[in-house]
PDB file of all heavy atoms in Angstrom:
ATOM      1  N   MET A   1      65.886 144.644 161.209  1.00  0.00           N
ATOM      2  CA  MET A   1      65.158 145.718 160.546  1.00  0.00           C
ATOM      3  C   MET A   1      63.774 145.880 161.185  1.00  0.00           C
ATOM      4  O   MET A   1      63.365 147.059 161.408  1.00  0.00           O
ATOM      5  CB  MET A   1      64.920 145.341 159.079  1.00  0.00           C
ATOM      6  CG  MET A   1      64.230 146.428 158.297  1.00  0.00           C
ATOM      7  SD  MET A   1      63.760 145.826 156.605  1.00  0.00           S
ATOM      8  CE  MET A   1      62.465 144.617 157.072  1.00  0.00           C
ATOM      9  N   MET A   2      63.115 144.835 161.579  1.00  0.00           N
ATOM     10  CA  MET A   2      61.806 144.973 162.244  1.00  0.00           C
ATOM     11  C   MET A   2      62.006 145.702 163.594  1.00  0.00           C
ATOM     12  O   MET A   2      61.144 146.515 163.980  1.00  0.00           O
ATOM     13  CB  MET A   2      61.262 143.537 162.496  1.00  0.00           C
ATOM     14  CG  MET A   2      60.837 142.902 161.192  1.00  0.00           C
ATOM     15  SD  MET A   2      60.199 141.171 161.452  1.00  0.00           S
ATOM     16  CE  MET A   2      58.763 141.475 162.512  1.00  0.00           C
ATOM     17  N   GLY A   3      63.034 145.381 164.300  1.00  0.00           N
ATOM     18  CA  GLY A   3      63.278 146.091 165.571  1.00  0.00           C
ATOM     19  C   GLY A   3      63.522 147.611 165.366  1.00  0.00           C
ATOM     20  O   GLY A   3      62.945 148.379 166.130  1.00  0.00           O
ATOM     21  N   VAL A   4      64.242 147.923 164.311  1.00  0.00           N
ATOM     22  CA  VAL A   4      64.430 149.386 163.988  1.00  0.00           C
ATOM     23  C   VAL A   4      63.185 150.040 163.668  1.00  0.00           C
ATOM     24  O   VAL A   4      62.903 151.148 164.092  1.00  0.00           O
ATOM     25  CB  VAL A   4      65.506 149.476 162.841  1.00  0.00           C
ATOM     26  CG1 VAL A   4      65.588 150.927 162.350  1.00  0.00           C
ATOM     27  CG2 VAL A   4      66.892 149.021 163.289  1.00  0.00           C
ATOM     28  N   VAL A   5      62.300 149.357 162.883  1.00  0.00           N
ATOM     29  CA  VAL A   5      60.989 149.899 162.479  1.00  0.00           C
ATOM     30  C   VAL A   5      60.183 150.224 163.652  1.00  0.00           C
ATOM     31  O   VAL A   5      59.528 151.290 163.741  1.00  0.00           O
ATOM     32  CB  VAL A   5      60.302 148.965 161.534  1.00  0.00           C
ATOM     33  CG1 VAL A   5      58.849 149.386 161.359  1.00  0.00           C
ATOM     34  CG2 VAL A   5      60.962 148.929 160.227  1.00  0.00           C
ATOM     35  N   TYR A   6      60.149 149.337 164.694  1.00  0.00           N
ATOM     36  CA  TYR A   6      59.334 149.567 165.872  1.00  0.00           C
ATOM     37  C   TYR A   6      59.945 150.671 166.728  1.00  0.00           C
ATOM     38  O   TYR A   6      59.155 151.424 167.445  1.00  0.00           O
ATOM     39  CB  TYR A   6      59.306 148.279 166.737  1.00  0.00           C
ATOM     40  CG  TYR A   6      58.260 147.278 166.148  1.00  0.00           C
ATOM     41  CD1 TYR A   6      58.665 146.123 165.627  1.00  0.00           C
ATOM     42  CD2 TYR A   6      56.876 147.578 166.228  1.00  0.00           C
ATOM     43  CE1 TYR A   6      57.750 145.152 165.112  1.00  0.00           C
ATOM     44  CE2 TYR A   6      55.942 146.671 165.700  1.00  0.00           C
ATOM     45  CZ  TYR A   6      56.391 145.527 165.139  1.00  0.00           C
ATOM     46  OH  TYR A   6      55.452 144.588 164.672  1.00  0.00           O
ATOM     47  N   LEU A   7      61.247 150.812 166.723  1.00  0.00           N
ATOM     48  CA  LEU A   7      61.842 151.860 167.549  1.00  0.00           C
ATOM     49  C   LEU A   7      61.844 153.264 166.881  1.00  0.00           C
ATOM     50  O   LEU A   7      62.019 154.262 167.586  1.00  0.00           O
ATOM     51  CB  LEU A   7      63.347 151.511 167.886  1.00  0.00           C
ATOM     52  CG  LEU A   7      63.513 150.338 168.867  1.00  0.00           C
ATOM     53  CD1 LEU A   7      64.939 149.995 168.964  1.00  0.00           C
ATOM     54  CD2 LEU A   7      62.969 150.758 170.270  1.00  0.00           C
ATOM     55  N   LEU A   8      61.684 153.253 165.577  1.00  0.00           N
ATOM     56  CA  LEU A   8      61.771 154.519 164.804  1.00  0.00           C
ATOM     57  C   LEU A   8      60.728 155.541 165.327  1.00  0.00           C
ATOM     58  O   LEU A   8      61.054 156.766 165.512  1.00  0.00           O
ATOM     59  CB  LEU A   8      61.595 154.293 163.342  1.00  0.00           C
ATOM     60  CG  LEU A   8      62.767 154.018 162.532  1.00  0.00           C
ATOM     61  CD1 LEU A   8      62.454 153.769 161.038  1.00  0.00           C
ATOM     62  CD2 LEU A   8      63.765 155.207 162.603  1.00  0.00           C
ATOM     63  N   TYR A   9      59.483 155.074 165.487  1.00  0.00           N
ATOM     64  CA  TYR A   9      58.493 156.075 165.851  1.00  0.00           C
ATOM     65  C   TYR A   9      58.705 156.805 167.174  1.00  0.00           C
ATOM     66  O   TYR A   9      58.679 158.028 167.199  1.00  0.00           O
ATOM     67  CB  TYR A   9      57.097 155.409 165.873  1.00  0.00           C
ATOM     68  CG  TYR A   9      55.949 156.423 165.946  1.00  0.00           C
ATOM     69  CD1 TYR A   9      55.439 156.980 164.801  1.00  0.00           C
ATOM     70  CD2 TYR A   9      55.453 156.876 167.151  1.00  0.00           C
ATOM     71  CE1 TYR A   9      54.409 157.917 164.829  1.00  0.00           C
ATOM     72  CE2 TYR A   9      54.416 157.852 167.286  1.00  0.00           C
ATOM     73  CZ  TYR A   9      53.952 158.313 166.050  1.00  0.00           C
ATOM     74  OH  TYR A   9      52.973 159.287 166.093  1.00  0.00           O
ATOM     75  N   PRO A  10      58.942 156.098 168.258  1.00  0.00           N
ATOM     76  CA  PRO A  10      59.228 156.840 169.491  1.00  0.00           C
ATOM     77  C   PRO A  10      60.479 157.725 169.405  1.00  0.00           C
ATOM     78  O   PRO A  10      60.565 158.790 169.999  1.00  0.00           O
ATOM     79  CB  PRO A  10      59.396 155.696 170.577  1.00  0.00           C
ATOM     80  CG  PRO A  10      59.640 154.446 169.794  1.00  0.00           C
ATOM     81  CD  PRO A  10      58.910 154.634 168.502  1.00  0.00           C
ATOM     82  N   VAL A  11      61.545 157.252 168.711  1.00  0.00           N
ATOM     83  CA  VAL A  11      62.716 158.076 168.516  1.00  0.00           C
ATOM     84  C   VAL A  11      62.410 159.380 167.753  1.00  0.00           C
ATOM     85  O   VAL A  11      62.788 160.491 168.246  1.00  0.00           O
ATOM     86  CB  VAL A  11      63.847 157.320 167.766  1.00  0.00           C
ATOM     87  CG1 VAL A  11      64.942 158.190 167.464  1.00  0.00           C
ATOM     88  CG2 VAL A  11      64.352 156.133 168.676  1.00  0.00           C
ATOM     89  N   ILE A  12      61.705 159.288 166.659  1.00  0.00           N
ATOM     90  CA  ILE A  12      61.305 160.457 165.883  1.00  0.00           C
ATOM     91  C   ILE A  12      60.353 161.412 166.709  1.00  0.00           C
ATOM     92  O   ILE A  12      60.562 162.559 166.734  1.00  0.00           O
ATOM     93  CB  ILE A  12      60.636 159.995 164.569  1.00  0.00           C
ATOM     94  CG1 ILE A  12      61.677 159.399 163.643  1.00  0.00           C
ATOM     95  CG2 ILE A  12      60.059 161.262 163.875  1.00  0.00           C
ATOM     96  CD1 ILE A  12      61.087 158.761 162.420  1.00  0.00           C
ATOM     97  N   SER A  13      59.433 160.807 167.359  1.00  0.00           N
ATOM     98  CA  SER A  13      58.518 161.523 168.178  1.00  0.00           C
ATOM     99  C   SER A  13      59.197 162.307 169.287  1.00  0.00           C
ATOM    100  O   SER A  13      58.942 163.485 169.517  1.00  0.00           O
ATOM    101  CB  SER A  13      57.400 160.597 168.761  1.00  0.00           C
ATOM    102  OG  SER A  13      56.509 161.304 169.584  1.00  0.00           O
ATOM    103  N   ALA A  14      60.082 161.600 170.000  1.00  0.00           N
ATOM    104  CA  ALA A  14      60.778 162.227 171.053  1.00  0.00           C
ATOM    105  C   ALA A  14      61.664 163.411 170.605  1.00  0.00           C
ATOM    106  O   ALA A  14      61.730 164.440 171.224  1.00  0.00           O
ATOM    107  CB  ALA A  14      61.615 161.226 171.879  1.00  0.00           C
ATOM    108  N   ALA A  15      62.399 163.168 169.441  1.00  0.00           N
ATOM    109  CA  ALA A  15      63.201 164.188 168.890  1.00  0.00           C
ATOM    110  C   ALA A  15      62.448 165.339 168.514  1.00  0.00           C
ATOM    111  O   ALA A  15      62.828 166.569 168.657  1.00  0.00           O
ATOM    112  CB  ALA A  15      64.082 163.598 167.738  1.00  0.00           C
ATOM    113  N   TYR A  16      61.230 165.136 167.877  1.00  0.00           N
ATOM    114  CA  TYR A  16      60.398 166.212 167.396  1.00  0.00           C
ATOM    115  C   TYR A  16      59.838 167.050 168.572  1.00  0.00           C
ATOM    116  O   TYR A  16      60.043 168.277 168.588  1.00  0.00           O
ATOM    117  CB  TYR A  16      59.278 165.584 166.581  1.00  0.00           C
ATOM    118  CG  TYR A  16      58.212 166.615 166.123  1.00  0.00           C
ATOM    119  CD1 TYR A  16      58.457 167.431 165.026  1.00  0.00           C
ATOM    120  CD2 TYR A  16      57.003 166.748 166.747  1.00  0.00           C
ATOM    121  CE1 TYR A  16      57.507 168.358 164.575  1.00  0.00           C
ATOM    122  CE2 TYR A  16      56.058 167.605 166.332  1.00  0.00           C
ATOM    123  CZ  TYR A  16      56.306 168.433 165.262  1.00  0.00           C
ATOM    124  OH  TYR A  16      55.370 169.380 164.843  1.00  0.00           O
ATOM    125  N   TYR A  17      59.175 166.415 169.477  1.00  0.00           N
ATOM    126  CA  TYR A  17      58.500 167.198 170.535  1.00  0.00           C
ATOM    127  C   TYR A  17      59.475 167.830 171.424  1.00  0.00           C
ATOM    128  O   TYR A  17      59.448 169.021 171.778  1.00  0.00           O
ATOM    129  CB  TYR A  17      57.602 166.236 171.380  1.00  0.00           C
ATOM    130  CG  TYR A  17      56.320 165.938 170.647  1.00  0.00           C
ATOM    131  CD1 TYR A  17      56.140 164.808 169.959  1.00  0.00           C
ATOM    132  CD2 TYR A  17      55.259 166.876 170.695  1.00  0.00           C
ATOM    133  CE1 TYR A  17      54.903 164.550 169.280  1.00  0.00           C
ATOM    134  CE2 TYR A  17      54.006 166.591 170.048  1.00  0.00           C
ATOM    135  CZ  TYR A  17      53.916 165.445 169.324  1.00  0.00           C
ATOM    136  OH  TYR A  17      52.696 165.142 168.694  1.00  0.00           O
ATOM    137  N   ALA A  18      60.499 167.085 171.975  1.00  0.00           N
ATOM    138  CA  ALA A  18      61.479 167.632 172.872  1.00  0.00           C
ATOM    139  C   ALA A  18      62.343 168.708 172.164  1.00  0.00           C
ATOM    140  O   ALA A  18      62.648 169.764 172.809  1.00  0.00           O
ATOM    141  CB  ALA A  18      62.370 166.496 173.452  1.00  0.00           C
ATOM    142  N   GLY A  19      62.740 168.500 170.932  1.00  0.00           N
ATOM    143  CA  GLY A  19      63.551 169.426 170.228  1.00  0.00           C
ATOM    144  C   GLY A  19      62.866 170.752 170.020  1.00  0.00           C
ATOM    145  O   GLY A  19      63.452 171.779 170.251  1.00  0.00           O
ATOM    146  N   PHE A  20      61.631 170.693 169.513  1.00  0.00           N
ATOM    147  CA  PHE A  20      60.904 171.927 169.218  1.00  0.00           C
ATOM    148  C   PHE A  20      60.472 172.657 170.464  1.00  0.00           C
ATOM    149  O   PHE A  20      60.550 173.932 170.544  1.00  0.00           O
ATOM    150  CB  PHE A  20      59.726 171.598 168.334  1.00  0.00           C
ATOM    151  CG  PHE A  20      59.987 171.601 166.878  1.00  0.00           C
ATOM    152  CD1 PHE A  20      60.081 170.459 166.122  1.00  0.00           C
ATOM    153  CD2 PHE A  20      60.114 172.785 166.147  1.00  0.00           C
ATOM    154  CE1 PHE A  20      60.322 170.426 164.832  1.00  0.00           C
ATOM    155  CE2 PHE A  20      60.422 172.802 164.789  1.00  0.00           C
ATOM    156  CZ  PHE A  20      60.539 171.653 164.166  1.00  0.00           C
ATOM    157  N   GLU A  21      60.014 171.856 171.516  1.00  0.00           N
ATOM    158  CA  GLU A  21      59.494 172.605 172.713  1.00  0.00           C
ATOM    159  C   GLU A  21      60.639 173.124 173.546  1.00  0.00           C
ATOM    160  O   GLU A  21      60.356 174.032 174.418  1.00  0.00           O
ATOM    161  CB  GLU A  21      58.658 171.564 173.502  1.00  0.00           C
ATOM    162  CG  GLU A  21      57.341 171.300 172.760  1.00  0.00           C
ATOM    163  CD  GLU A  21      56.437 170.270 173.474  1.00  0.00           C
ATOM    164  OE1 GLU A  21      56.886 169.741 174.544  1.00  0.00           O
ATOM    165  OE2 GLU A  21      55.357 170.009 173.000  1.00  0.00           O
ATOM    166  N   SER A  22      61.836 172.733 173.342  1.00  0.00           N
ATOM    167  CA  SER A  22      62.958 173.340 174.080  1.00  0.00           C
ATOM    168  C   SER A  22      63.687 174.366 173.238  1.00  0.00           C
ATOM    169  O   SER A  22      64.671 174.979 173.693  1.00  0.00           O
ATOM    170  CB  SER A  22      63.986 172.243 174.522  1.00  0.00           C
ATOM    171  OG  SER A  22      64.532 171.564 173.378  1.00  0.00           O
ATOM    172  N   SER A  23      63.226 174.586 171.995  1.00  0.00           N
ATOM    173  CA  SER A  23      63.835 175.555 171.094  1.00  0.00           C
ATOM    174  C   SER A  23      63.430 176.961 171.466  1.00  0.00           C
ATOM    175  O   SER A  23      62.614 177.202 172.370  1.00  0.00           O
ATOM    176  CB  SER A  23      63.427 175.293 169.669  1.00  0.00           C
ATOM    177  OG  SER A  23      62.027 175.608 169.477  1.00  0.00           O
ATOM    178  N   SER A  24      63.949 177.921 170.746  1.00  0.00           N
ATOM    179  CA  SER A  24      63.615 179.329 170.999  1.00  0.00           C
ATOM    180  C   SER A  24      62.107 179.631 170.795  1.00  0.00           C
ATOM    181  O   SER A  24      61.484 180.530 171.403  1.00  0.00           O
ATOM    182  CB  SER A  24      64.444 180.241 170.198  1.00  0.00           C
ATOM    183  OG  SER A  24      64.168 180.004 168.775  1.00  0.00           O
ATOM    184  N   LYS A  25      61.481 178.883 169.958  1.00  0.00           N
ATOM    185  CA  LYS A  25      60.076 179.038 169.657  1.00  0.00           C
ATOM    186  C   LYS A  25      59.195 178.401 170.782  1.00  0.00           C
ATOM    187  O   LYS A  25      57.979 178.711 170.891  1.00  0.00           O
ATOM    188  CB  LYS A  25      59.662 178.403 168.291  1.00  0.00           C
ATOM    189  CG  LYS A  25      60.288 179.182 167.148  1.00  0.00           C
ATOM    190  CD  LYS A  25      59.670 180.569 167.051  1.00  0.00           C
ATOM    191  CE  LYS A  25      60.147 181.270 165.766  1.00  0.00           C
ATOM    192  NZ  LYS A  25      59.635 182.692 165.649  1.00  0.00           N
ATOM    193  N   GLN A  26      59.781 177.490 171.543  1.00  0.00           N
ATOM    194  CA  GLN A  26      59.055 176.807 172.651  1.00  0.00           C
ATOM    195  C   GLN A  26      57.814 176.065 172.204  1.00  0.00           C
ATOM    196  O   GLN A  26      56.897 175.889 172.927  1.00  0.00           O
ATOM    197  CB  GLN A  26      58.673 177.782 173.740  1.00  0.00           C
ATOM    198  CG  GLN A  26      59.874 178.549 174.287  1.00  0.00           C
ATOM    199  CD  GLN A  26      59.472 179.666 175.252  1.00  0.00           C
ATOM    200  OE1 GLN A  26      59.493 180.847 174.891  1.00  0.00           O
ATOM    201  NE2 GLN A  26      59.105 179.327 176.478  1.00  0.00           N
ATOM    202  N   ALA A  27      57.737 175.688 170.938  1.00  0.00           N
ATOM    203  CA  ALA A  27      56.539 175.055 170.415  1.00  0.00           C
ATOM    204  C   ALA A  27      56.830 174.188 169.229  1.00  0.00           C
ATOM    205  O   ALA A  27      57.761 174.445 168.471  1.00  0.00           O
ATOM    206  CB  ALA A  27      55.572 176.186 169.977  1.00  0.00           C
ATOM    207  N   THR A  28      56.053 173.158 169.100  1.00  0.00           N
ATOM    208  CA  THR A  28      56.056 172.242 167.891  1.00  0.00           C
ATOM    209  C   THR A  28      55.466 173.030 166.673  1.00  0.00           C
ATOM    210  O   THR A  28      54.916 174.097 166.887  1.00  0.00           O
ATOM    211  CB  THR A  28      55.310 170.961 168.119  1.00  0.00           C
ATOM    212  OG1 THR A  28      53.979 171.329 168.543  1.00  0.00           O
ATOM    213  CG2 THR A  28      55.924 170.149 169.278  1.00  0.00           C
ATOM    214  N   LEU A  29      55.504 172.431 165.543  1.00  0.00           N
ATOM    215  CA  LEU A  29      54.982 173.072 164.377  1.00  0.00           C
ATOM    216  C   LEU A  29      53.426 173.273 164.532  1.00  0.00           C
ATOM    217  O   LEU A  29      52.918 174.294 164.142  1.00  0.00           O
ATOM    218  CB  LEU A  29      55.272 172.275 163.109  1.00  0.00           C
ATOM    219  CG  LEU A  29      56.753 172.095 162.724  1.00  0.00           C
ATOM    220  CD1 LEU A  29      56.873 171.202 161.480  1.00  0.00           C
ATOM    221  CD2 LEU A  29      57.352 173.413 162.444  1.00  0.00           C
TER     222      LEU A  29
END
C-alpha cells in the first residue's frame, strides 16, 4: 500500500498533463 501511495502522484500527474495537453483543447484545466 505504501508503494502504491508513492507511485500514485506521478501516475496521476502524468495522466493529467499528457492527457489534457494532447487532447483537442491542447491544454490542462
